[in-house]
């Protein structure tokens, strides 16, 4: 019973994330929705793996084809997920068929080969690869199965490299969209990629060791799979799109001879922008994005981000968090709530972690050190008056 539970634990984890990633309406996004499909694919793989390792040959024989199909599709699905995080707005067959066509063709060939093989011979051969070597269908199955297994590993290397290149290229896009310094960061995405490399290595070791597997090894492999799948789901749940929107209008360069000389229209937009932050304190919204600002001042995203870049030499995230830091300084000097969560919320930060990152980024100090420094600066004038 304990072994059965251990073998099923990776399945429980993948089903858990499939349901959760699909059910959170308030945090629903295209990448997260597609990650749920990827988790469903992993769930299918884990059902087949459980039937193979338990072993339950009477049932596994019906899942073997789907096991190989799902294995072929796993890394292309993963790559599409990374594309949805970085360069693609939504999934479509027209845009992504090139990543799926090879697995589908190769899987279909295996499917046809299986159905052209006598069932009893195929069932016996699945659990003893040394039998029926004189049957042409079995010889072909052996070859095509070897091609599929090799292709899975080669796809893993190919797509993991391309995932890395995508993240490297688009790592700075989130800071032009999100105001929360922790949102959209690519650290989670990089960790996702590393976890998939680990998953691939576990798969290779398990496949090599399958003929000499013991109960202890089954426990270890199942635990490693379950932990890896859980971390993939968790990181994906937290990760926001690195390039979350696509401008309808082309990129805009501000028409100015120098940074100090703005046109009348540009000055109006800048005045509206500063009004929203100085008077309306729009930065106190912890979920603020550049699209929220764009809708209020009536222009487009590229124009606003370019204006901020050229006027203040900052990206959107840094610009907003500069206002939050000023608010944070005021609160500490005037009120100084003891609880960091209250301090972060009142200053507009999405979390204490984001607040600490902003303080460290701007001052080079920890939040504790900075608060202490502000208090010293506040006390000094009073002390001098007493003297």
Protein backbone atom coordinates (compact mmCIF):
# COMPACT_ATOMS: atom_id res chain seq x y z
CA UNK A 1 0.00 0.00 0.00
CA UNK A 2 2.81 2.42 0.91
CA UNK A 3 4.61 1.67 -2.36
CA UNK A 4 1.40 2.24 -4.32
CA UNK A 5 0.93 5.61 -2.65
CA UNK A 6 4.55 6.55 -3.42
CA UNK A 7 4.15 5.60 -7.08
CA UNK A 8 0.93 7.59 -7.29
CA UNK A 9 2.33 10.71 -5.58
CA UNK A 10 3.64 12.29 -8.85
CA UNK A 11 0.16 11.78 -10.33
CA UNK A 12 -1.52 13.46 -7.34
CA UNK A 13 0.82 16.46 -7.67
CA UNK A 14 0.26 16.94 -11.40
CA UNK A 15 -3.52 16.64 -11.04
CA UNK A 16 -3.44 19.12 -8.16
CA UNK A 17 -1.68 21.74 -10.29
CA UNK A 18 -3.88 20.98 -13.30
CA UNK A 19 -6.96 21.83 -11.24
CA UNK A 20 -5.47 24.81 -9.39
CA UNK A 21 -3.95 26.49 -12.45
CA UNK A 22 -7.31 26.24 -14.22
CA UNK A 23 -9.48 27.34 -11.30
CA UNK A 24 -7.89 30.63 -10.20
CA UNK A 25 -9.99 33.09 -12.20
CA UNK A 26 -8.49 36.19 -10.56
CA UNK A 27 -4.97 35.20 -11.59
CA UNK A 28 -5.88 33.52 -14.86
CA UNK A 29 -3.50 34.13 -17.75
CA UNK A 30 -2.69 32.48 -21.06
CA UNK A 31 0.69 31.05 -19.90
CA UNK A 32 -0.83 29.74 -16.66
CA UNK A 33 -3.70 28.13 -18.54
CA UNK A 34 -1.30 26.41 -20.90
CA UNK A 35 0.85 25.25 -17.98
CA UNK A 36 -2.27 23.49 -16.69
CA UNK A 37 -2.44 21.59 -20.00
CA UNK A 38 1.23 20.70 -19.63
CA UNK A 39 0.50 19.36 -16.13
CA UNK A 40 -2.38 17.29 -17.54
CA UNK A 41 0.06 15.81 -20.04
CA UNK A 42 2.42 14.95 -17.18
CA UNK A 43 -0.52 13.37 -15.32
CA UNK A 44 -1.11 11.05 -18.29
CA UNK A 45 2.58 10.12 -18.31
CA UNK A 46 2.43 9.36 -14.59
CA UNK A 47 -0.63 7.15 -14.95
CA UNK A 48 1.23 5.06 -17.52
CA UNK A 49 4.42 5.08 -15.44
CA UNK A 50 2.47 3.84 -12.41
CA UNK A 51 0.94 0.98 -14.40
CA UNK A 52 4.37 0.08 -15.73
CA UNK A 53 6.19 0.13 -12.39
CA UNK A 54 3.45 -1.40 -10.20
CA UNK A 55 3.46 -3.53 -12.53
CA UNK A 56 -0.01 -3.90 -14.07
CA UNK A 57 0.59 -5.29 -17.58
CA UNK A 58 -3.09 -5.95 -18.25
CA UNK A 59 -3.75 -2.21 -18.02
CA UNK A 60 -0.41 -0.78 -19.14
CA UNK A 61 -0.70 -2.36 -22.56
CA UNK A 62 -3.54 0.06 -23.32
CA UNK A 63 -1.62 3.08 -22.05
CA UNK A 64 1.75 2.50 -23.67
CA UNK A 65 0.86 4.37 -26.88
CA UNK A 66 -0.41 7.37 -24.92
CA UNK A 67 2.67 7.20 -22.69
CA UNK A 68 4.97 7.62 -25.69
CA UNK A 69 2.72 10.23 -27.31
CA UNK A 70 2.68 12.29 -24.13
CA UNK A 71 6.44 11.91 -23.71
CA UNK A 72 7.02 13.20 -27.24
CA UNK A 73 4.73 16.18 -26.63
CA UNK A 74 6.01 17.12 -23.16
CA UNK A 75 9.00 19.26 -24.09
CA UNK A 76 7.35 20.96 -27.11
CA UNK A 77 4.45 21.84 -24.77
CA UNK A 78 6.93 23.19 -22.27
CA UNK A 79 8.61 25.32 -24.94
CA UNK A 80 5.26 26.74 -26.06
CA UNK A 81 4.62 27.68 -22.42
CA UNK A 82 7.88 29.62 -22.36
CA UNK A 83 6.95 31.32 -25.63
CA UNK A 84 3.65 32.39 -24.08
CA UNK A 85 5.62 33.90 -21.21
CA UNK A 86 7.89 35.86 -23.53
CA UNK A 87 6.95 36.34 -27.19
CA UNK A 88 3.53 34.91 -28.04
CA UNK A 89 0.20 36.42 -27.04
CA UNK A 90 -1.86 33.21 -27.17
CA UNK A 91 -1.71 29.60 -28.24
CA UNK A 92 -2.83 28.76 -31.76
CA UNK A 93 -2.25 25.77 -34.02
CA UNK A 94 -1.25 28.10 -36.83
CA UNK A 95 1.52 29.68 -34.76
CA UNK A 96 2.71 26.60 -32.87
CA UNK A 97 2.11 23.60 -35.14
CA UNK A 98 5.81 23.53 -36.08
CA UNK A 99 6.67 22.49 -32.53
CA UNK A 100 4.04 19.73 -32.47
CA UNK A 101 4.14 18.26 -35.96
CA UNK A 102 7.19 16.02 -35.42
CA UNK A 103 5.88 14.42 -32.19
CA UNK A 104 2.45 13.89 -33.76
CA UNK A 105 3.87 12.27 -36.92
CA UNK A 106 6.29 10.04 -35.01
CA UNK A 107 3.61 9.07 -32.49
CA UNK A 108 1.17 8.28 -35.30
CA UNK A 109 3.72 5.97 -36.94
CA UNK A 110 4.09 4.07 -33.65
CA UNK A 111 0.30 3.97 -33.28
CA UNK A 112 -0.08 2.39 -36.75
CA UNK A 113 2.76 -0.06 -36.04
CA UNK A 114 1.10 -1.19 -32.80
CA UNK A 115 -2.26 -1.81 -34.48
CA UNK A 116 -0.62 -3.77 -37.26
CA UNK A 117 0.99 -6.11 -34.71
CA UNK A 118 -0.91 -9.12 -33.27
CA UNK A 119 -2.13 -8.06 -29.82
CA UNK A 120 -0.79 -11.01 -27.82
CA UNK A 121 2.67 -10.71 -29.34
CA UNK A 122 2.69 -6.95 -28.73
CA UNK A 123 1.58 -7.39 -25.11
CA UNK A 124 4.27 -10.01 -24.42
CA UNK A 125 6.96 -7.96 -26.16
CA UNK A 126 6.22 -4.87 -24.07
CA UNK A 127 7.46 -6.65 -20.95
CA UNK A 128 10.09 -8.87 -22.59
CA UNK A 129 11.91 -7.16 -25.49
CA UNK A 130 13.90 -10.27 -26.36
CA UNK A 131 10.94 -12.25 -27.74
CA UNK A 132 9.44 -12.44 -31.27
CA UNK A 133 12.49 -10.96 -32.96
CA UNK A 134 11.60 -12.84 -36.16
CA UNK A 135 8.26 -11.00 -36.52
CA UNK A 136 8.65 -7.95 -38.86
CA UNK A 137 6.13 -5.84 -36.94
CA UNK A 138 8.00 -6.41 -33.67
CA UNK A 139 11.32 -5.51 -35.30
CA UNK A 140 9.79 -2.29 -36.62
CA UNK A 141 8.23 -1.51 -33.22
CA UNK A 142 11.63 -1.95 -31.61
CA UNK A 143 13.22 0.50 -34.03
CA UNK A 144 10.49 3.13 -33.86
CA UNK A 145 10.34 2.91 -30.06
CA UNK A 146 14.09 3.50 -29.87
CA UNK A 147 13.71 6.51 -32.19
CA UNK A 148 10.93 7.90 -29.97
CA UNK A 149 12.91 7.52 -26.74
CA UNK A 150 15.99 9.11 -28.35
CA UNK A 151 13.83 11.92 -29.76
CA UNK A 152 12.41 12.73 -26.32
CA UNK A 153 15.91 13.24 -24.92
CA UNK A 154 17.09 15.25 -27.94
CA UNK A 155 13.97 17.43 -27.78
CA UNK A 156 14.68 18.03 -24.10
CA UNK A 157 18.14 19.40 -24.86
CA UNK A 158 16.96 21.41 -27.88
CA UNK A 159 14.00 23.09 -26.21
CA UNK A 160 15.69 23.72 -22.89
CA UNK A 161 18.45 25.61 -24.73
CA UNK A 162 15.85 27.67 -26.61
CA UNK A 163 13.95 28.37 -23.38
CA UNK A 164 17.16 29.74 -21.90
CA UNK A 165 17.73 31.99 -24.92
CA UNK A 166 14.16 33.31 -24.74
CA UNK A 167 14.50 34.20 -21.07
CA UNK A 168 17.84 35.88 -21.67
CA UNK A 169 16.42 37.98 -24.50
CA UNK A 170 13.20 39.08 -22.76
CA UNK A 171 14.29 39.27 -19.14
CA UNK A 172 13.89 43.06 -18.94
CA UNK A 173 10.41 43.32 -20.48
CA UNK A 174 8.49 42.86 -17.25
CA UNK A 175 9.94 46.00 -15.68
CA UNK A 176 8.40 48.01 -18.52
CA UNK A 177 4.96 46.70 -17.58
CA UNK A 178 4.69 45.81 -13.90
CA UNK A 179 5.15 48.34 -11.10
CA UNK A 180 5.82 45.73 -8.43
CA UNK A 181 9.56 45.10 -8.41
CA UNK A 182 8.96 41.39 -7.80
CA UNK A 183 6.35 40.84 -10.52
CA UNK A 184 7.19 39.23 -13.81
CA UNK A 185 10.76 38.59 -12.77
CA UNK A 186 12.43 35.85 -14.74
CA UNK A 187 14.06 34.15 -11.72
CA UNK A 188 11.05 31.84 -11.37
CA UNK A 189 11.10 31.16 -15.11
CA UNK A 190 14.79 30.28 -15.00
CA UNK A 191 14.11 27.96 -12.08
CA UNK A 192 11.31 26.36 -14.12
CA UNK A 193 13.82 25.59 -16.84
CA UNK A 194 16.30 24.10 -14.36
CA UNK A 195 13.55 21.94 -12.84
CA UNK A 196 12.73 20.55 -16.28
CA UNK A 197 16.40 19.69 -16.78
CA UNK A 198 16.27 17.84 -13.44
CA UNK A 199 13.08 16.08 -14.56
CA UNK A 200 14.79 14.95 -17.75
CA UNK A 201 17.76 13.60 -15.79
CA UNK A 202 15.47 11.67 -13.42
CA UNK A 203 13.69 10.21 -16.45
CA UNK A 204 16.99 9.08 -18.03
CA UNK A 205 18.23 7.48 -14.80
CA UNK A 206 14.91 5.72 -14.25
CA UNK A 207 14.86 4.38 -17.81
CA UNK A 208 18.43 3.06 -17.53
CA UNK A 209 17.78 1.50 -14.13
CA UNK A 210 14.37 0.03 -15.01
CA UNK A 211 15.61 -3.55 -15.41
CA UNK A 212 17.37 -3.49 -11.99
CA UNK A 213 14.90 -1.40 -10.04
CA UNK A 214 14.20 -2.11 -6.35
CA UNK A 215 11.50 -1.01 -3.97
CA UNK A 216 13.83 1.53 -2.35
CA UNK A 217 14.72 2.99 -5.73
CA UNK A 218 11.03 3.25 -6.64
CA UNK A 219 10.42 5.26 -3.48
CA UNK A 220 13.33 7.56 -4.28
CA UNK A 221 12.40 8.09 -7.95
CA UNK A 222 8.74 8.71 -7.10
CA UNK A 223 9.67 11.22 -4.42
CA UNK A 224 12.03 13.05 -6.79
CA UNK A 225 9.36 13.20 -9.50
CA UNK A 226 6.72 14.44 -7.04
CA UNK A 227 8.99 17.16 -5.62
CA UNK A 228 10.08 18.26 -9.09
CA UNK A 229 6.50 18.43 -10.40
CA UNK A 230 5.38 20.34 -7.33
CA UNK A 231 8.13 22.92 -7.77
CA UNK A 232 7.35 23.28 -11.50
CA UNK A 233 3.71 23.95 -10.66
CA UNK A 234 4.58 26.32 -7.81
CA UNK A 235 7.05 28.36 -9.86
CA UNK A 236 4.61 28.49 -12.77
CA UNK A 237 1.81 29.58 -10.45
CA UNK A 238 3.91 32.50 -9.24
CA UNK A 239 5.40 33.47 -12.60
CA UNK A 240 3.77 36.33 -14.49
CA UNK A 241 4.30 36.87 -18.20
CA UNK A 242 7.64 38.50 -18.93
CA UNK A 243 6.22 40.22 -22.01
CA UNK A 244 2.56 40.40 -20.97
CA UNK A 245 1.07 42.70 -23.62
CA UNK A 246 1.61 43.51 -27.24
CA UNK A 247 1.35 47.08 -28.47
CA UNK A 248 -1.11 47.65 -31.28
CA UNK A 249 0.73 50.80 -32.29
CA UNK A 250 4.36 50.69 -33.43
CA UNK A 251 7.19 51.77 -31.17
CA UNK A 252 7.29 55.52 -30.67
CA UNK A 253 10.44 57.60 -30.40
CA UNK A 254 9.88 60.96 -28.82
CA UNK A 255 10.36 63.79 -31.29
CA UNK A 256 12.79 65.99 -29.39
CA UNK A 257 16.13 67.57 -30.12
CA UNK A 258 17.29 67.27 -26.53
CA UNK A 259 15.94 65.56 -23.46
CA UNK A 260 15.02 68.92 -21.95
CA UNK A 261 12.98 70.14 -24.91
CA UNK A 262 9.56 68.55 -25.07
CA UNK A 263 6.79 69.33 -27.48
CA UNK A 264 3.54 70.79 -26.13
CA UNK A 265 1.78 67.39 -26.44
CA UNK A 266 4.62 65.63 -24.68
CA UNK A 267 4.54 68.17 -21.85
CA UNK A 268 0.79 67.64 -21.45
CA UNK A 269 1.22 63.88 -21.22
CA UNK A 270 4.06 64.30 -18.74
CA UNK A 271 1.95 66.67 -16.63
CA UNK A 272 -0.93 64.19 -16.60
CA UNK A 273 1.47 61.42 -15.66
CA UNK A 274 2.98 63.37 -12.77
CA UNK A 275 -0.47 64.50 -11.62
CA UNK A 276 -1.61 60.88 -11.28
CA UNK A 277 1.38 60.12 -9.08
CA UNK A 278 1.78 63.39 -7.15
CA UNK A 279 -1.89 64.22 -6.49
CA UNK A 280 -3.92 61.06 -7.09
CA UNK A 281 -1.20 58.75 -5.69
CA UNK A 282 -1.85 56.04 -8.26
CA UNK A 283 1.34 54.31 -7.10
CA UNK A 284 -0.42 53.18 -3.91
CA UNK A 285 -2.17 50.53 -6.00
CA UNK A 286 0.07 47.51 -5.44
CA UNK A 287 -1.23 45.84 -8.63
CA UNK A 288 -0.55 48.88 -10.82
CA UNK A 289 0.59 48.18 -14.39
CA UNK A 290 1.54 50.53 -17.18
CA UNK A 291 -1.80 49.78 -18.87
CA UNK A 292 -3.62 51.25 -15.86
CA UNK A 293 -1.62 54.46 -16.27
CA UNK A 294 -2.17 54.51 -20.03
CA UNK A 295 -5.94 54.24 -19.63
CA UNK A 296 -6.02 57.15 -17.18
CA UNK A 297 -3.88 59.61 -19.15
CA UNK A 298 -5.15 58.60 -22.60
CA UNK A 299 -2.13 57.52 -24.64
CA UNK A 300 -0.37 54.25 -25.50
CA UNK A 301 1.97 52.04 -23.55
CA UNK A 302 5.05 52.52 -25.71
CA UNK A 303 4.75 56.31 -25.57
CA UNK A 304 4.55 56.37 -21.77
CA UNK A 305 7.44 53.94 -21.25
CA UNK A 306 9.57 55.87 -23.76
CA UNK A 307 8.75 59.17 -22.06
CA UNK A 308 9.76 57.76 -18.67
CA UNK A 309 12.93 56.23 -20.12
CA UNK A 310 14.07 59.41 -21.82
CA UNK A 311 13.00 61.95 -19.20
CA UNK A 312 14.04 60.04 -16.07
CA UNK A 313 16.39 57.35 -17.42
CA UNK A 314 14.26 54.73 -15.66
CA UNK A 315 11.96 51.90 -16.59
CA UNK A 316 8.32 51.93 -15.47
CA UNK A 317 8.93 49.67 -12.47
CA UNK A 318 11.76 51.83 -11.11
CA UNK A 319 9.78 55.03 -11.72
CA UNK A 320 6.74 53.83 -9.75
CA UNK A 321 8.80 52.36 -6.94
CA UNK A 322 10.60 55.68 -6.59
CA UNK A 323 7.26 57.22 -5.58
CA UNK A 324 6.57 54.30 -3.27
CA UNK A 325 9.95 54.79 -1.63
CA UNK A 326 9.11 58.46 -0.99
CA UNK A 327 5.80 57.39 0.53
CA UNK A 328 7.57 54.75 2.59
CA UNK A 329 10.01 57.33 3.94
CA UNK A 330 7.17 59.67 4.89
CA UNK A 331 5.25 56.88 6.69
CA UNK A 332 8.33 55.78 8.64
CA UNK A 333 9.08 59.32 9.77
CA UNK A 334 5.46 60.21 10.61
CA UNK A 335 3.85 56.98 11.76
CA UNK A 336 6.37 54.11 11.63
CA UNK A 337 4.04 51.10 12.08
CA UNK A 338 5.86 48.20 13.70
CA UNK A 339 4.43 45.59 11.36
CA UNK A 340 6.21 45.36 7.99
CA UNK A 341 3.08 44.06 6.24
CA UNK A 342 1.19 47.24 7.19
CA UNK A 343 4.12 49.38 6.10
CA UNK A 344 4.30 47.66 2.71
CA UNK A 345 0.55 47.92 2.12
CA UNK A 346 0.37 51.62 3.06
CA UNK A 347 3.28 52.47 0.76
CA UNK A 348 1.79 50.61 -2.21
CA UNK A 349 4.11 47.61 -2.33
CA UNK A 350 2.65 44.23 -3.21
CA UNK A 351 4.54 42.46 -0.44
CA UNK A 352 7.15 42.92 2.26
CA UNK A 353 9.63 41.15 0.00
CA UNK A 354 9.02 43.67 -2.80
CA UNK A 355 9.42 46.53 -0.31
CA UNK A 356 12.72 45.15 0.95
CA UNK A 357 13.98 44.73 -2.61
CA UNK A 358 13.08 48.33 -3.44
CA UNK A 359 14.85 49.64 -0.33
CA UNK A 360 17.94 47.57 -1.04
CA UNK A 361 17.96 48.57 -4.70
CA UNK A 362 17.75 52.31 -3.97
CA UNK A 363 19.77 52.65 -0.75
CA UNK A 364 22.01 49.60 -0.64
CA UNK A 365 20.76 49.02 2.92
CA UNK A 366 18.43 46.52 4.50
CA UNK A 367 14.98 47.75 5.53
CA UNK A 368 16.01 47.58 9.20
CA UNK A 369 19.19 49.59 8.59
CA UNK A 370 17.36 52.18 6.49
CA UNK A 371 14.60 52.66 9.06
CA UNK A 372 17.24 53.09 11.76
CA UNK A 373 19.06 55.65 9.60
CA UNK A 374 15.87 57.63 9.03
CA UNK A 375 15.16 57.70 12.74
CA UNK A 376 18.68 59.00 13.47
CA UNK A 377 18.23 61.76 10.89
CA UNK A 378 14.88 62.67 12.47
CA UNK A 379 16.28 62.86 16.01
CA UNK A 380 19.40 64.88 15.24
CA UNK A 381 17.73 68.28 14.74
CA UNK A 382 15.78 67.86 18.02
CA UNK A 383 18.99 67.10 19.86
CA UNK A 384 20.71 70.14 18.50
CA UNK A 385 17.83 72.40 19.68
CA UNK A 386 18.13 71.07 23.23
CA UNK A 387 21.80 71.96 23.28
